[in-house]
Amino acid sequence: MSRYVVRITPADVGRRVSVRSRTAAPAGEAPLTDTVGRLTTWRDGVLTVTRRDGTVAYVDERNLVAGRVLAEHQPRERPI
């Protein structure tokens, strides 16, 4: 059985994170979603995560199921 753990706090603002949260999914769809990006704010119970493509996700901390800090994204080496 999986055990979800929230390992992020407001002190992690500015870091790259992965969060799993509950959604209001229609019947038959997964009730959880994953978001990966930079935790840009955590204010008044709402996390703001900015994805690499620039889109922003807002996660109510009451819906937070799991979260962790990720290693910084390393740029790929380009062949010479």
N, C-alpha and C. Protein backbone atom coordinates (compact mmCIF):
# COMPACT_ATOMS: atom_id res chain seq x y z
N MET A 1 0.85 -1.19 0.00
CA MET A 1 0.00 0.00 0.00
C MET A 1 0.89 1.24 0.00
N SER A 2 0.56 2.22 -0.84
CA SER A 2 1.31 3.46 -0.92
C SER A 2 0.98 4.37 0.26
N ARG A 3 1.97 5.10 0.67
CA ARG A 3 1.76 6.06 1.74
C ARG A 3 2.26 7.42 1.25
N TYR A 4 1.36 8.37 1.17
CA TYR A 4 1.72 9.70 0.71
C TYR A 4 2.23 10.53 1.87
N VAL A 5 3.25 11.34 1.59
CA VAL A 5 3.84 12.20 2.61
C VAL A 5 4.08 13.58 2.03
N VAL A 6 3.69 14.60 2.76
CA VAL A 6 3.96 15.98 2.35
C VAL A 6 5.27 16.39 2.99
N ARG A 7 6.29 16.59 2.15
CA ARG A 7 7.62 16.94 2.66
C ARG A 7 8.04 18.34 2.24
N ILE A 8 7.06 19.19 1.94
CA ILE A 8 7.37 20.57 1.59
C ILE A 8 6.68 21.50 2.58
N THR A 9 7.24 22.69 2.72
CA THR A 9 6.68 23.71 3.61
C THR A 9 6.81 25.06 2.90
N PRO A 10 6.22 26.11 3.47
CA PRO A 10 6.40 27.43 2.88
C PRO A 10 7.87 27.85 2.77
N ALA A 11 8.73 27.25 3.57
CA ALA A 11 10.17 27.56 3.50
C ALA A 11 10.78 27.09 2.18
N ASP A 12 10.09 26.25 1.43
CA ASP A 12 10.59 25.74 0.15
C ASP A 12 10.23 26.62 -1.04
N VAL A 13 9.61 27.77 -0.81
CA VAL A 13 9.29 28.69 -1.91
C VAL A 13 10.60 29.01 -2.65
N GLY A 14 10.53 28.91 -3.99
CA GLY A 14 11.71 29.15 -4.82
C GLY A 14 12.36 27.87 -5.29
N ARG A 15 12.01 26.75 -4.69
CA ARG A 15 12.61 25.47 -5.05
C ARG A 15 11.72 24.72 -6.03
N ARG A 16 12.32 23.76 -6.73
CA ARG A 16 11.60 22.91 -7.67
C ARG A 16 10.93 21.80 -6.88
N VAL A 17 9.62 21.58 -7.12
CA VAL A 17 8.85 20.62 -6.34
C VAL A 17 7.96 19.75 -7.22
N SER A 18 7.52 18.67 -6.62
CA SER A 18 6.49 17.81 -7.21
C SER A 18 5.39 17.70 -6.16
N VAL A 19 4.15 18.00 -6.55
CA VAL A 19 3.03 17.90 -5.61
C VAL A 19 1.92 17.05 -6.20
N ARG A 20 1.27 16.30 -5.35
CA ARG A 20 0.09 15.51 -5.74
C ARG A 20 -1.07 16.07 -4.93
N SER A 21 -2.18 16.34 -5.62
CA SER A 21 -3.33 16.93 -4.94
C SER A 21 -4.63 16.32 -5.41
N ARG A 22 -5.65 16.43 -4.57
CA ARG A 22 -7.00 15.96 -4.92
C ARG A 22 -7.63 16.94 -5.90
N THR A 23 -8.45 16.41 -6.79
CA THR A 23 -9.17 17.26 -7.73
C THR A 23 -10.65 16.94 -7.66
N ALA A 24 -11.44 17.78 -8.26
CA ALA A 24 -12.87 17.53 -8.37
C ALA A 24 -13.10 16.85 -9.71
N ALA A 25 -12.57 15.63 -9.84
CA ALA A 25 -12.63 14.90 -11.11
C ALA A 25 -14.03 14.34 -11.35
N PRO A 26 -14.46 14.35 -12.61
CA PRO A 26 -15.74 13.71 -12.94
C PRO A 26 -15.67 12.21 -12.65
N ALA A 27 -16.80 11.60 -12.49
CA ALA A 27 -16.86 10.16 -12.21
C ALA A 27 -16.09 9.39 -13.27
N GLY A 28 -15.32 8.42 -12.82
CA GLY A 28 -14.54 7.60 -13.74
C GLY A 28 -13.15 8.12 -14.02
N GLU A 29 -12.83 9.32 -13.58
CA GLU A 29 -11.49 9.87 -13.79
C GLU A 29 -10.73 9.87 -12.47
N ALA A 30 -9.42 9.90 -12.57
CA ALA A 30 -8.57 9.88 -11.37
C ALA A 30 -8.81 11.13 -10.53
N PRO A 31 -9.00 10.95 -9.22
CA PRO A 31 -9.25 12.09 -8.35
C PRO A 31 -7.99 12.81 -7.89
N LEU A 32 -6.82 12.42 -8.43
CA LEU A 32 -5.56 13.05 -8.05
C LEU A 32 -4.85 13.58 -9.28
N THR A 33 -4.05 14.62 -9.09
CA THR A 33 -3.24 15.16 -10.18
C THR A 33 -1.86 15.49 -9.64
N ASP A 34 -0.86 15.39 -10.51
CA ASP A 34 0.52 15.72 -10.17
C ASP A 34 0.92 17.01 -10.86
N THR A 35 1.68 17.82 -10.15
CA THR A 35 2.20 19.07 -10.72
C THR A 35 3.67 19.16 -10.37
N VAL A 36 4.49 19.46 -11.37
CA VAL A 36 5.93 19.63 -11.18
C VAL A 36 6.30 21.02 -11.66
N GLY A 37 7.07 21.72 -10.84
CA GLY A 37 7.52 23.05 -11.23
C GLY A 37 8.15 23.77 -10.06
N ARG A 38 8.28 25.08 -10.19
CA ARG A 38 8.88 25.91 -9.16
C ARG A 38 7.79 26.41 -8.22
N LEU A 39 7.95 26.17 -6.91
CA LEU A 39 7.00 26.68 -5.92
C LEU A 39 7.25 28.17 -5.80
N THR A 40 6.38 28.97 -6.40
CA THR A 40 6.62 30.41 -6.45
C THR A 40 6.02 31.16 -5.26
N THR A 41 4.90 30.68 -4.74
CA THR A 41 4.35 31.27 -3.51
C THR A 41 3.60 30.20 -2.74
N TRP A 42 3.45 30.46 -1.44
CA TRP A 42 2.58 29.63 -0.57
C TRP A 42 1.98 30.65 0.40
N ARG A 43 0.80 31.14 0.04
CA ARG A 43 0.21 32.24 0.79
C ARG A 43 -1.27 31.98 1.01
N ASP A 44 -1.72 32.23 2.22
CA ASP A 44 -3.14 32.10 2.57
C ASP A 44 -3.71 30.73 2.19
N GLY A 45 -2.89 29.69 2.38
CA GLY A 45 -3.36 28.32 2.14
C GLY A 45 -3.37 27.89 0.69
N VAL A 46 -2.74 28.68 -0.19
CA VAL A 46 -2.70 28.32 -1.62
C VAL A 46 -1.24 28.28 -2.09
N LEU A 47 -0.87 27.17 -2.71
CA LEU A 47 0.45 27.03 -3.30
C LEU A 47 0.35 27.43 -4.77
N THR A 48 1.33 28.18 -5.23
CA THR A 48 1.42 28.54 -6.63
C THR A 48 2.66 27.85 -7.19
N VAL A 49 2.45 27.00 -8.20
CA VAL A 49 3.55 26.27 -8.82
C VAL A 49 3.64 26.68 -10.28
N THR A 50 4.81 27.19 -10.67
CA THR A 50 5.02 27.60 -12.05
C THR A 50 5.77 26.49 -12.78
N ARG A 51 5.11 25.96 -13.80
CA ARG A 51 5.70 24.87 -14.59
C ARG A 51 6.78 25.40 -15.52
N ARG A 52 7.60 24.49 -16.03
CA ARG A 52 8.70 24.86 -16.92
C ARG A 52 8.21 25.61 -18.15
N ASP A 53 6.99 25.30 -18.64
CA ASP A 53 6.46 25.98 -19.82
C ASP A 53 5.84 27.33 -19.50
N GLY A 54 5.90 27.73 -18.22
CA GLY A 54 5.39 29.04 -17.81
C GLY A 54 3.97 29.05 -17.31
N THR A 55 3.23 27.94 -17.48
CA THR A 55 1.87 27.89 -16.96
C THR A 55 1.91 27.80 -15.44
N VAL A 56 0.85 28.26 -14.82
CA VAL A 56 0.79 28.32 -13.37
C VAL A 56 -0.33 27.43 -12.85
N ALA A 57 -0.05 26.68 -11.79
CA ALA A 57 -1.06 25.84 -11.14
C ALA A 57 -1.24 26.35 -9.72
N TYR A 58 -2.49 26.42 -9.28
CA TYR A 58 -2.81 26.83 -7.93
C TYR A 58 -3.35 25.61 -7.19
N VAL A 59 -2.76 25.31 -6.03
CA VAL A 59 -3.14 24.13 -5.26
C VAL A 59 -3.55 24.58 -3.87
N ASP A 60 -4.79 24.27 -3.49
CA ASP A 60 -5.25 24.56 -2.14
C ASP A 60 -4.55 23.58 -1.20
N GLU A 61 -3.90 24.08 -0.16
CA GLU A 61 -3.13 23.18 0.71
C GLU A 61 -4.02 22.14 1.39
N ARG A 62 -5.32 22.38 1.48
CA ARG A 62 -6.23 21.37 2.05
C ARG A 62 -6.35 20.16 1.12
N ASN A 63 -6.05 20.34 -0.17
CA ASN A 63 -6.12 19.24 -1.14
C ASN A 63 -4.78 18.57 -1.38
N LEU A 64 -3.74 19.05 -0.70
CA LEU A 64 -2.40 18.51 -0.87
C LEU A 64 -2.33 17.11 -0.26
N VAL A 65 -1.90 16.14 -1.07
CA VAL A 65 -1.80 14.74 -0.64
C VAL A 65 -0.35 14.36 -0.41
N ALA A 66 0.55 14.85 -1.29
CA ALA A 66 1.97 14.56 -1.18
C ALA A 66 2.76 15.69 -1.81
N GLY A 67 3.99 15.84 -1.38
CA GLY A 67 4.84 16.86 -1.96
C GLY A 67 6.28 16.63 -1.56
N ARG A 68 7.18 16.94 -2.49
CA ARG A 68 8.59 16.80 -2.18
C ARG A 68 9.40 17.78 -3.01
N VAL A 69 10.57 18.12 -2.51
CA VAL A 69 11.51 18.98 -3.23
C VAL A 69 12.27 18.10 -4.20
N LEU A 70 12.48 18.60 -5.41
CA LEU A 70 13.22 17.88 -6.45
C LEU A 70 14.59 18.52 -6.65
N ALA A 71 15.50 17.76 -7.21
CA ALA A 71 16.79 18.31 -7.59
C ALA A 71 16.58 19.36 -8.67
N GLU A 72 17.46 20.31 -8.72
CA GLU A 72 17.36 21.33 -9.76
C GLU A 72 17.52 20.67 -11.13
N HIS A 73 16.77 21.16 -12.09
CA HIS A 73 16.81 20.62 -13.45
C HIS A 73 18.14 20.97 -14.09
N GLN A 74 18.87 19.96 -14.56
CA GLN A 74 20.17 20.18 -15.19
C GLN A 74 19.99 20.30 -16.70
N PRO A 75 20.59 21.31 -17.30
CA PRO A 75 20.49 21.44 -18.75
C PRO A 75 21.19 20.25 -19.43
N ARG A 76 20.62 19.83 -20.55
CA ARG A 76 21.22 18.72 -21.30
C ARG A 76 22.48 19.19 -22.01
N GLU A 77 23.46 18.29 -22.09
CA GLU A 77 24.66 18.61 -22.85
C GLU A 77 24.35 18.45 -24.32
N ARG A 78 24.78 19.38 -25.09
CA ARG A 78 24.56 19.32 -26.53
C ARG A 78 25.80 18.74 -27.21
N PRO A 79 25.57 17.89 -28.20
CA PRO A 79 26.72 17.34 -28.91
C PRO A 79 27.49 18.43 -29.64
N ILE A 80 28.77 18.23 -29.74
CA ILE A 80 29.61 19.23 -30.41
C ILE A 80 29.65 19.01 -31.89
